Amino acid sequence: KLEAVIVTATRREVNLQEVSQSVTALSTEDIAKQAFQSLDDVAGALPSVTLVNAIPGRNDIIMRGISTGTGEYYTDSQVSVYLDDQPMTSSAQQVDVRLIDIERIEVLPGPQGTLFGSSSQAGTIRYVTNKPDPSGYSSQVDVELGTTKGGEESYDVSGHVNLPLTDNIAIRAVGFYAREGGYVDNVPG
């Protein structure tokens, strides 16, 4: 039995098979199976999306081959990034959303200016988070350990907890802590 994939990228809840435009949707299961942690991981699974990440924390997303160039601080990005309904787009640099407790990722090729503003000429990437659920308690913790030959260890701890307070109210908390070990010591002075 196939489950229906409901997307909200068009600002309405619609079955993915009934959307009249190209939409790529990655579900929670897709994210978990492929162990996506960052935008770099997601970009590799998307058609016609390329990521230029020359400096950590500074991403240039290229969709459909459209780009303003890399390393530009003063131009509008051509791909908009949303976390739920909150725009996260900045001038030429895109945030790297940590993929913890994400319900799905929706990707629409552009232009999408009517729905997502001027920075969505090449397309839009929308991260949809899991919402608080008053129907029951749930939690999850993920732990990842790694070593570097001749260097420091790396670790990553992430998780979420969903606490129902009443029949209609719940709190959902999400967090992570990560340390990236390497083989080069940063010694001040």
N, C-alpha and C. Protein backbone atom coordinates (compact mmCIF):
# COMPACT_ATOMS: atom_id res chain seq x y z
N LYS A 1 0.84 -1.18 0.00
CA LYS A 1 0.00 0.00 0.00
C LYS A 1 0.88 1.25 0.00
N LEU A 2 0.62 2.15 -0.92
CA LEU A 2 1.37 3.39 -1.00
C LEU A 2 0.66 4.49 -0.23
N GLU A 3 1.42 5.24 0.57
CA GLU A 3 0.85 6.36 1.30
C GLU A 3 0.88 7.60 0.43
N ALA A 4 -0.12 8.45 0.59
CA ALA A 4 -0.17 9.71 -0.15
C ALA A 4 0.84 10.66 0.46
N VAL A 5 1.57 11.38 -0.39
CA VAL A 5 2.51 12.40 0.06
C VAL A 5 1.82 13.74 -0.10
N ILE A 6 1.57 14.40 1.02
CA ILE A 6 0.90 15.70 1.02
C ILE A 6 1.98 16.78 1.09
N VAL A 7 1.95 17.71 0.14
CA VAL A 7 2.91 18.81 0.12
C VAL A 7 2.17 20.13 0.33
N THR A 8 2.89 21.09 0.87
CA THR A 8 2.31 22.41 1.12
C THR A 8 3.11 23.50 0.42
N ALA A 9 3.96 23.12 -0.50
CA ALA A 9 4.82 24.08 -1.19
C ALA A 9 4.03 25.10 -2.01
N THR A 10 2.82 24.75 -2.39
CA THR A 10 1.99 25.69 -3.15
C THR A 10 1.06 26.49 -2.24
N ARG A 11 1.37 26.47 -0.93
CA ARG A 11 0.60 27.18 0.11
C ARG A 11 -0.76 26.56 0.37
N ARG A 12 -0.96 25.34 -0.13
CA ARG A 12 -2.17 24.56 0.14
C ARG A 12 -1.73 23.12 0.37
N GLU A 13 -2.48 22.39 1.19
CA GLU A 13 -2.19 20.97 1.36
C GLU A 13 -2.76 20.21 0.16
N VAL A 14 -1.86 19.61 -0.63
CA VAL A 14 -2.27 18.93 -1.86
C VAL A 14 -1.50 17.61 -1.97
N ASN A 15 -2.17 16.58 -2.45
CA ASN A 15 -1.50 15.32 -2.74
C ASN A 15 -0.47 15.59 -3.84
N LEU A 16 0.75 15.10 -3.65
CA LEU A 16 1.83 15.36 -4.60
C LEU A 16 1.46 14.96 -6.03
N GLN A 17 0.65 13.91 -6.19
CA GLN A 17 0.27 13.46 -7.54
C GLN A 17 -0.72 14.41 -8.21
N GLU A 18 -1.32 15.32 -7.45
CA GLU A 18 -2.29 16.25 -8.01
C GLU A 18 -1.71 17.64 -8.25
N VAL A 19 -0.44 17.85 -7.93
CA VAL A 19 0.21 19.15 -8.14
C VAL A 19 0.58 19.25 -9.61
N SER A 20 0.23 20.36 -10.24
CA SER A 20 0.43 20.50 -11.68
C SER A 20 1.80 21.06 -12.05
N GLN A 21 2.73 21.05 -11.13
CA GLN A 21 4.08 21.51 -11.44
C GLN A 21 5.08 20.54 -10.85
N SER A 22 6.32 20.70 -11.22
CA SER A 22 7.36 19.81 -10.72
C SER A 22 7.67 20.14 -9.26
N VAL A 23 7.53 19.15 -8.39
CA VAL A 23 7.86 19.30 -6.97
C VAL A 23 8.61 18.04 -6.56
N THR A 24 9.74 18.21 -5.91
CA THR A 24 10.45 17.07 -5.33
C THR A 24 10.21 17.12 -3.83
N ALA A 25 9.74 16.02 -3.26
CA ALA A 25 9.48 15.96 -1.82
C ALA A 25 10.26 14.80 -1.23
N LEU A 26 11.06 15.09 -0.22
CA LEU A 26 11.81 14.08 0.51
C LEU A 26 11.15 13.93 1.87
N SER A 27 10.69 12.73 2.20
CA SER A 27 9.96 12.49 3.44
C SER A 27 10.93 12.25 4.60
N THR A 28 10.36 12.13 5.80
CA THR A 28 11.16 11.82 6.98
C THR A 28 11.93 10.53 6.78
N GLU A 29 11.27 9.53 6.18
CA GLU A 29 11.92 8.25 5.93
C GLU A 29 13.08 8.40 4.95
N ASP A 30 12.90 9.21 3.89
CA ASP A 30 13.98 9.45 2.93
C ASP A 30 15.18 10.10 3.62
N ILE A 31 14.90 11.08 4.48
CA ILE A 31 15.97 11.79 5.19
C ILE A 31 16.71 10.82 6.10
N ALA A 32 15.98 9.97 6.82
CA ALA A 32 16.61 9.02 7.74
C ALA A 32 17.38 7.93 7.00
N LYS A 33 16.79 7.36 5.95
CA LYS A 33 17.44 6.27 5.21
C LYS A 33 18.75 6.72 4.59
N GLN A 34 18.77 7.94 4.07
CA GLN A 34 19.97 8.43 3.40
C GLN A 34 20.88 9.21 4.34
N ALA A 35 20.51 9.28 5.63
CA ALA A 35 21.31 9.92 6.68
C ALA A 35 21.68 11.36 6.32
N PHE A 36 20.72 12.10 5.79
CA PHE A 36 20.96 13.51 5.48
C PHE A 36 21.18 14.29 6.77
N GLN A 37 22.20 15.14 6.77
CA GLN A 37 22.45 16.00 7.91
C GLN A 37 22.52 17.47 7.51
N SER A 38 22.82 17.73 6.25
CA SER A 38 23.04 19.11 5.84
C SER A 38 22.53 19.33 4.42
N LEU A 39 22.59 20.57 4.00
CA LEU A 39 22.18 20.94 2.65
C LEU A 39 23.05 20.25 1.60
N ASP A 40 24.30 20.02 1.91
CA ASP A 40 25.20 19.34 0.99
C ASP A 40 24.68 17.93 0.69
N ASP A 41 24.20 17.24 1.71
CA ASP A 41 23.63 15.90 1.52
C ASP A 41 22.37 15.95 0.66
N VAL A 42 21.49 16.92 0.96
CA VAL A 42 20.22 17.05 0.24
C VAL A 42 20.45 17.39 -1.22
N ALA A 43 21.38 18.30 -1.51
CA ALA A 43 21.63 18.74 -2.88
C ALA A 43 22.03 17.59 -3.79
N GLY A 44 22.74 16.61 -3.25
CA GLY A 44 23.14 15.45 -4.04
C GLY A 44 21.97 14.57 -4.46
N ALA A 45 20.84 14.68 -3.75
CA ALA A 45 19.67 13.85 -4.06
C ALA A 45 18.63 14.58 -4.89
N LEU A 46 18.89 15.83 -5.23
CA LEU A 46 17.90 16.63 -5.95
C LEU A 46 18.30 16.82 -7.41
N PRO A 47 17.34 16.72 -8.31
CA PRO A 47 17.64 16.98 -9.71
C PRO A 47 17.88 18.46 -9.95
N SER A 48 18.83 18.77 -10.77
CA SER A 48 19.18 20.12 -11.21
C SER A 48 19.53 21.08 -10.07
N VAL A 49 20.08 20.55 -8.97
CA VAL A 49 20.53 21.39 -7.86
C VAL A 49 22.00 21.13 -7.60
N THR A 50 22.76 22.20 -7.50
CA THR A 50 24.19 22.11 -7.20
C THR A 50 24.47 23.03 -6.03
N LEU A 51 25.39 22.64 -5.17
CA LEU A 51 25.76 23.44 -4.02
C LEU A 51 27.23 23.78 -4.11
N VAL A 52 27.56 25.07 -4.00
CA VAL A 52 28.95 25.49 -3.91
C VAL A 52 29.16 25.90 -2.46
N ASN A 53 30.05 25.18 -1.78
CA ASN A 53 30.30 25.41 -0.37
C ASN A 53 31.79 25.57 -0.18
N ALA A 54 32.31 26.76 -0.53
CA ALA A 54 33.74 27.00 -0.48
C ALA A 54 34.23 27.25 0.95
N ILE A 55 33.37 27.80 1.78
CA ILE A 55 33.71 28.12 3.17
C ILE A 55 32.60 27.56 4.05
N PRO A 56 32.93 26.91 5.17
CA PRO A 56 31.86 26.39 6.05
C PRO A 56 30.87 27.48 6.44
N GLY A 57 29.59 27.14 6.35
CA GLY A 57 28.55 28.09 6.71
C GLY A 57 28.19 29.08 5.63
N ARG A 58 28.82 28.97 4.48
CA ARG A 58 28.54 29.89 3.38
C ARG A 58 28.22 29.08 2.13
N ASN A 59 26.95 28.97 1.81
CA ASN A 59 26.49 28.13 0.72
C ASN A 59 25.94 28.98 -0.42
N ASP A 60 26.20 28.54 -1.63
CA ASP A 60 25.57 29.13 -2.80
C ASP A 60 24.83 28.00 -3.50
N ILE A 61 23.51 28.09 -3.50
CA ILE A 61 22.67 27.05 -4.12
C ILE A 61 22.42 27.45 -5.56
N ILE A 62 22.66 26.53 -6.46
CA ILE A 62 22.43 26.76 -7.88
C ILE A 62 21.35 25.79 -8.33
N MET A 63 20.25 26.33 -8.84
CA MET A 63 19.14 25.52 -9.32
C MET A 63 18.91 25.83 -10.78
N ARG A 64 18.67 24.80 -11.56
CA ARG A 64 18.41 24.93 -12.99
C ARG A 64 19.56 25.66 -13.70
N GLY A 65 20.76 25.63 -13.13
CA GLY A 65 21.93 26.27 -13.75
C GLY A 65 21.97 27.77 -13.58
N ILE A 66 21.09 28.35 -12.76
CA ILE A 66 21.03 29.81 -12.60
C ILE A 66 21.76 30.20 -11.32
N SER A 67 22.70 31.13 -11.43
CA SER A 67 23.46 31.57 -10.28
C SER A 67 23.89 33.02 -10.47
N THR A 68 24.06 33.72 -9.36
CA THR A 68 24.60 35.08 -9.42
C THR A 68 26.12 35.06 -9.33
N GLY A 69 26.68 33.90 -9.11
CA GLY A 69 28.11 33.76 -8.92
C GLY A 69 28.39 33.37 -7.48
N THR A 70 29.57 32.86 -7.22
CA THR A 70 29.91 32.47 -5.85
C THR A 70 30.80 33.54 -5.24
N GLY A 71 30.70 33.68 -3.95
CA GLY A 71 31.52 34.65 -3.24
C GLY A 71 30.97 36.06 -3.27
N GLU A 72 29.76 36.24 -3.76
CA GLU A 72 29.15 37.56 -3.81
C GLU A 72 28.41 37.84 -2.52
N TYR A 73 28.66 38.98 -1.89
CA TYR A 73 27.97 39.33 -0.66
C TYR A 73 26.85 40.33 -0.88
N TYR A 74 26.74 40.88 -2.04
CA TYR A 74 25.84 42.02 -2.24
C TYR A 74 24.74 41.77 -3.26
N THR A 75 24.59 40.56 -3.72
CA THR A 75 23.53 40.28 -4.69
C THR A 75 22.47 39.38 -4.06
N ASP A 76 21.25 39.49 -4.55
CA ASP A 76 20.19 38.62 -4.07
C ASP A 76 20.44 37.19 -4.52
N SER A 77 20.12 36.26 -3.66
CA SER A 77 20.22 34.86 -4.03
C SER A 77 19.14 34.56 -5.06
N GLN A 78 19.37 33.56 -5.86
CA GLN A 78 18.39 33.15 -6.86
C GLN A 78 17.54 31.97 -6.40
N VAL A 79 17.88 31.40 -5.23
CA VAL A 79 17.12 30.29 -4.65
C VAL A 79 16.69 30.70 -3.25
N SER A 80 15.39 30.63 -2.99
CA SER A 80 14.91 30.97 -1.65
C SER A 80 14.88 29.71 -0.78
N VAL A 81 15.16 29.90 0.50
CA VAL A 81 15.15 28.81 1.48
C VAL A 81 14.17 29.21 2.58
N TYR A 82 13.26 28.28 2.89
CA TYR A 82 12.25 28.51 3.91
C TYR A 82 12.32 27.41 4.96
N LEU A 83 12.14 27.80 6.22
CA LEU A 83 11.95 26.85 7.31
C LEU A 83 10.51 27.02 7.73
N ASP A 84 9.66 26.05 7.40
CA ASP A 84 8.21 26.17 7.50
C ASP A 84 7.79 27.38 6.66
N ASP A 85 7.22 28.40 7.26
CA ASP A 85 6.81 29.58 6.50
C ASP A 85 7.73 30.77 6.73
N GLN A 86 8.87 30.53 7.36
CA GLN A 86 9.83 31.60 7.67
C GLN A 86 10.93 31.64 6.62
N PRO A 87 11.07 32.77 5.89
CA PRO A 87 12.17 32.84 4.91
C PRO A 87 13.52 32.89 5.61
N MET A 88 14.46 32.11 5.11
CA MET A 88 15.81 32.06 5.66
C MET A 88 16.82 32.54 4.63
N THR A 89 16.33 33.13 3.54
CA THR A 89 17.18 33.56 2.44
C THR A 89 17.95 34.80 2.84
N SER A 90 19.22 34.83 2.49
CA SER A 90 20.03 36.03 2.72
C SER A 90 20.73 36.38 1.42
N SER A 91 21.38 37.49 1.40
CA SER A 91 22.06 37.95 0.19
C SER A 91 23.15 36.97 -0.21
N ALA A 92 22.92 36.25 -1.28
CA ALA A 92 23.88 35.37 -1.94
C ALA A 92 24.40 34.22 -1.09
N GLN A 93 24.08 34.16 0.18
CA GLN A 93 24.53 33.07 1.03
C GLN A 93 23.32 32.39 1.65
N GLN A 94 23.33 31.09 1.64
CA GLN A 94 22.18 30.36 2.17
C GLN A 94 22.55 29.64 3.45
N VAL A 95 21.63 29.64 4.39
CA VAL A 95 21.84 28.95 5.65
C VAL A 95 21.82 27.44 5.41
N ASP A 96 22.45 26.74 6.31
CA ASP A 96 22.48 25.28 6.25
C ASP A 96 21.65 24.77 7.41
N VAL A 97 20.39 24.44 7.15
CA VAL A 97 19.48 23.98 8.19
C VAL A 97 19.91 22.60 8.65
N ARG A 98 20.03 22.44 9.96
CA ARG A 98 20.39 21.14 10.53
C ARG A 98 19.16 20.23 10.43
N LEU A 99 19.29 19.09 9.81
CA LEU A 99 18.15 18.23 9.52
C LEU A 99 17.82 17.31 10.69
N ILE A 100 17.25 17.92 11.73
CA ILE A 100 16.81 17.19 12.91
C ILE A 100 15.30 17.39 13.02
N ASP A 101 14.57 16.31 13.16
CA ASP A 101 13.13 16.35 13.34
C ASP A 101 12.42 17.09 12.19
N ILE A 102 12.81 16.78 10.97
CA ILE A 102 12.22 17.38 9.78
C ILE A 102 11.17 16.43 9.21
N GLU A 103 9.97 16.95 8.97
CA GLU A 103 8.90 16.12 8.39
C GLU A 103 9.16 15.83 6.92
N ARG A 104 9.54 16.87 6.18
CA ARG A 104 9.84 16.69 4.76
C ARG A 104 10.58 17.91 4.23
N ILE A 105 11.18 17.72 3.07
CA ILE A 105 11.85 18.80 2.35
C ILE A 105 11.15 18.89 1.00
N GLU A 106 10.69 20.09 0.64
CA GLU A 106 10.01 20.31 -0.63
C GLU A 106 10.87 21.22 -1.50
N VAL A 107 11.03 20.85 -2.75
CA VAL A 107 11.85 21.62 -3.67
C VAL A 107 11.03 21.93 -4.92
N LEU A 108 10.91 23.22 -5.24
CA LEU A 108 10.17 23.66 -6.41
C LEU A 108 11.11 24.40 -7.34
N PRO A 109 11.20 24.00 -8.60
CA PRO A 109 11.98 24.80 -9.55
C PRO A 109 11.29 26.13 -9.79
N GLY A 110 12.05 27.14 -10.14
CA GLY A 110 11.49 28.49 -10.31
C GLY A 110 11.00 28.75 -11.70
N PRO A 111 10.57 29.96 -11.92
CA PRO A 111 10.47 31.03 -10.93
C PRO A 111 9.24 30.84 -10.03
N GLN A 112 9.40 31.18 -8.74
CA GLN A 112 8.34 31.04 -7.75
C GLN A 112 8.09 32.36 -7.03
N GLY A 113 8.29 33.49 -7.72
CA GLY A 113 8.17 34.80 -7.11
C GLY A 113 6.80 35.10 -6.53
N THR A 114 5.74 34.58 -7.12
CA THR A 114 4.39 34.84 -6.61
C THR A 114 4.21 34.24 -5.23
N LEU A 115 4.76 33.04 -5.00
CA LEU A 115 4.58 32.37 -3.72
C LEU A 115 5.70 32.64 -2.72
N PHE A 116 6.93 32.81 -3.21
CA PHE A 116 8.07 32.86 -2.30
C PHE A 116 8.99 34.06 -2.48
N GLY A 117 8.57 35.08 -3.19
CA GLY A 117 9.34 36.31 -3.26
C GLY A 117 10.40 36.36 -4.35
N SER A 118 11.09 37.50 -4.40
CA SER A 118 12.02 37.78 -5.50
C SER A 118 13.25 36.88 -5.50
N SER A 119 13.62 36.29 -4.37
CA SER A 119 14.81 35.45 -4.33
C SER A 119 14.56 34.02 -4.79
N SER A 120 13.40 33.77 -5.39
CA SER A 120 13.08 32.41 -5.82
C SER A 120 13.00 32.29 -7.34
N GLN A 121 13.84 33.04 -8.03
CA GLN A 121 13.81 32.99 -9.49
C GLN A 121 14.26 31.63 -10.02
N ALA A 122 15.26 31.03 -9.39
CA ALA A 122 15.72 29.71 -9.83
C ALA A 122 14.93 28.59 -9.15
N GLY A 123 14.38 28.87 -7.96
CA GLY A 123 13.60 27.86 -7.26
C GLY A 123 13.53 28.12 -5.77
N THR A 124 12.91 27.17 -5.07
CA THR A 124 12.70 27.28 -3.63
C THR A 124 12.96 25.93 -2.97
N ILE A 125 13.64 25.98 -1.83
CA ILE A 125 13.81 24.79 -0.98
C ILE A 125 13.09 25.10 0.32
N ARG A 126 12.17 24.23 0.70
CA ARG A 126 11.36 24.47 1.89
C ARG A 126 11.49 23.29 2.84
N TYR A 127 11.99 23.56 4.05
CA TYR A 127 12.10 22.56 5.10
C TYR A 127 10.83 22.65 5.96
N VAL A 128 10.14 21.54 6.12
CA VAL A 128 8.93 21.50 6.92
C VAL A 128 9.23 20.68 8.18
N THR A 129 9.13 21.31 9.34
CA THR A 129 9.44 20.64 10.59
C THR A 129 8.24 19.85 11.11
N ASN A 130 8.52 18.86 11.93
CA ASN A 130 7.45 18.14 12.62
C ASN A 130 6.84 19.07 13.66
N LYS A 131 5.54 19.04 13.78
CA LYS A 131 4.81 19.93 14.68
C LYS A 131 4.54 19.23 16.02
N PRO A 132 4.34 20.00 17.09
CA PRO A 132 3.96 19.40 18.37
C PRO A 132 2.69 18.56 18.21
N ASP A 133 2.68 17.40 18.86
CA ASP A 133 1.56 16.46 18.72
C ASP A 133 0.96 16.17 20.09
N PRO A 134 -0.25 16.68 20.37
CA PRO A 134 -0.86 16.46 21.69
C PRO A 134 -1.41 15.04 21.89
N SER A 135 -1.35 14.18 20.86
CA SER A 135 -1.93 12.84 20.98
C SER A 135 -1.04 11.87 21.75
N GLY A 136 0.25 12.20 21.96
CA GLY A 136 1.09 11.26 22.70
C GLY A 136 2.53 11.72 22.81
N TYR A 137 3.22 11.12 23.77
CA TYR A 137 4.63 11.39 24.00
C TYR A 137 5.47 10.70 22.94
N SER A 138 6.52 11.36 22.49
CA SER A 138 7.49 10.72 21.60
C SER A 138 8.85 11.39 21.81
N SER A 139 9.89 10.64 21.53
CA SER A 139 11.24 11.19 21.62
C SER A 139 12.17 10.35 20.76
N GLN A 140 13.30 10.93 20.45
CA GLN A 140 14.30 10.23 19.66
C GLN A 140 15.65 10.85 19.93
N VAL A 141 16.69 10.02 20.02
CA VAL A 141 18.05 10.50 20.19
C VAL A 141 18.91 9.78 19.16
N ASP A 142 19.72 10.54 18.44
CA ASP A 142 20.67 9.98 17.49
C ASP A 142 22.07 10.33 17.95
N VAL A 143 22.97 9.34 17.93
CA VAL A 143 24.35 9.54 18.34
C VAL A 143 25.25 9.05 17.21
N GLU A 144 26.23 9.85 16.87
CA GLU A 144 27.19 9.47 15.84
C GLU A 144 28.59 9.74 16.35
N LEU A 145 29.47 8.75 16.23
CA LEU A 145 30.85 8.88 16.65
C LEU A 145 31.75 8.63 15.45
N GLY A 146 32.90 9.30 15.43
CA GLY A 146 33.83 9.10 14.34
C GLY A 146 35.25 9.36 14.79
N THR A 147 36.18 8.80 14.06
CA THR A 147 37.59 9.03 14.36
C THR A 147 38.29 9.53 13.11
N THR A 148 39.37 10.21 13.33
CA THR A 148 40.22 10.68 12.24
C THR A 148 41.62 10.12 12.47
N LYS A 149 42.15 9.42 11.51
CA LYS A 149 43.48 8.83 11.67
C LYS A 149 44.50 9.94 11.94
N GLY A 150 45.17 9.84 13.05
CA GLY A 150 46.16 10.85 13.42
C GLY A 150 45.55 12.13 13.96
N GLY A 151 44.27 12.09 14.30
CA GLY A 151 43.61 13.32 14.75
C GLY A 151 42.62 13.08 15.86
N GLU A 152 41.76 14.05 16.03
CA GLU A 152 40.77 14.04 17.10
C GLU A 152 39.51 13.26 16.70
N GLU A 153 38.74 12.89 17.72
CA GLU A 153 37.47 12.22 17.50
C GLU A 153 36.40 13.25 17.15
N SER A 154 35.35 12.77 16.48
CA SER A 154 34.19 13.60 16.17
C SER A 154 32.97 12.94 16.80
N TYR A 155 32.01 13.76 17.21
CA TYR A 155 30.76 13.21 17.70
C TYR A 155 29.62 14.16 17.44
N ASP A 156 28.45 13.59 17.40
CA ASP A 156 27.24 14.34 17.11
C ASP A 156 26.11 13.70 17.89
N VAL A 157 25.42 14.49 18.69
CA VAL A 157 24.27 14.03 19.45
C VAL A 157 23.11 14.94 19.09
N SER A 158 21.99 14.36 18.67
CA SER A 158 20.83 15.17 18.32
C SER A 158 19.56 14.43 18.72
N GLY A 159 18.48 15.18 18.85
CA GLY A 159 17.24 14.52 19.18
C GLY A 159 16.10 15.49 19.38
N HIS A 160 14.96 14.90 19.71
CA HIS A 160 13.77 15.70 19.98
C HIS A 160 12.93 15.00 21.03
N VAL A 161 12.06 15.79 21.65
CA VAL A 161 11.09 15.24 22.59
C VAL A 161 9.77 15.97 22.38
N ASN A 162 8.69 15.22 22.37
CA ASN A 162 7.35 15.77 22.21
C ASN A 162 6.57 15.45 23.49
N LEU A 163 6.16 16.51 24.21
CA LEU A 163 5.44 16.33 25.47
C LEU A 163 4.03 16.88 25.37
N PRO A 164 3.01 16.02 25.43
CA PRO A 164 1.63 16.53 25.45
C PRO A 164 1.33 17.08 26.85
N LEU A 165 0.75 18.28 26.90
CA LEU A 165 0.40 18.90 28.17
C LEU A 165 -1.09 18.74 28.47
N THR A 166 -1.91 18.92 27.44
CA THR A 166 -3.35 18.72 27.56
C THR A 166 -3.81 18.00 26.29
N ASP A 167 -5.12 17.88 26.11
CA ASP A 167 -5.64 17.26 24.90
C ASP A 167 -5.38 18.10 23.65
N ASN A 168 -5.12 19.40 23.83
CA ASN A 168 -4.93 20.29 22.68
C ASN A 168 -3.58 20.99 22.65
N ILE A 169 -2.75 20.80 23.66
CA ILE A 169 -1.48 21.53 23.76
C ILE A 169 -0.33 20.55 23.96
N ALA A 170 0.75 20.79 23.22
CA ALA A 170 1.96 19.98 23.37
C ALA A 170 3.18 20.88 23.17
N ILE A 171 4.29 20.44 23.70
CA ILE A 171 5.57 21.14 23.51
C ILE A 171 6.51 20.18 22.80
N ARG A 172 7.22 20.68 21.80
CA ARG A 172 8.20 19.87 21.07
C ARG A 172 9.53 20.61 21.14
N ALA A 173 10.55 19.95 21.68
CA ALA A 173 11.88 20.56 21.79
C ALA A 173 12.87 19.75 20.96
N VAL A 174 13.74 20.47 20.25
CA VAL A 174 14.72 19.85 19.37
C VAL A 174 16.08 20.44 19.68
N GLY A 175 17.12 19.61 19.69
CA GLY A 175 18.46 20.14 19.97
C GLY A 175 19.54 19.23 19.43
N PHE A 176 20.76 19.77 19.38
CA PHE A 176 21.91 18.97 18.95
C PHE A 176 23.19 19.58 19.51
N TYR A 177 24.20 18.75 19.59
CA TYR A 177 25.55 19.20 19.94
C TYR A 177 26.50 18.39 19.08
N ALA A 178 27.44 19.08 18.44
CA ALA A 178 28.37 18.38 17.55
C ALA A 178 29.78 18.93 17.74
N ARG A 179 30.74 18.04 17.56
CA ARG A 179 32.14 18.42 17.58
C ARG A 179 32.82 17.74 16.40
N GLU A 180 33.43 18.53 15.55
CA GLU A 180 34.12 18.02 14.37
C GLU A 180 35.60 17.96 14.66
N GLY A 181 36.13 16.76 14.84
CA GLY A 181 37.55 16.58 15.07
C GLY A 181 38.30 16.56 13.75
N GLY A 182 39.57 16.84 13.80
CA GLY A 182 40.39 16.85 12.58
C GLY A 182 41.79 16.43 12.88
N TYR A 183 42.69 16.68 11.95
CA TYR A 183 44.09 16.31 12.15
C TYR A 183 45.00 17.53 12.21
N VAL A 184 44.43 18.73 12.13
CA VAL A 184 45.22 19.95 12.21
C VAL A 184 44.85 20.68 13.49
N ASP A 185 45.83 21.00 14.33
CA ASP A 185 45.57 21.73 15.56
C ASP A 185 45.60 23.21 15.29
N ASN A 186 44.62 23.93 15.82
CA ASN A 186 44.56 25.38 15.71
C ASN A 186 45.20 25.94 16.99
N VAL A 187 46.45 26.29 16.90
CA VAL A 187 47.19 26.78 18.06
C VAL A 187 47.31 28.30 17.95
N PRO A 188 46.66 29.04 18.87
CA PRO A 188 46.74 30.51 18.81
C PRO A 188 48.20 30.99 18.95
N GLY A 189 48.56 31.98 18.13
CA GLY A 189 49.88 32.61 18.23
C GLY A 189 50.94 31.73 17.67
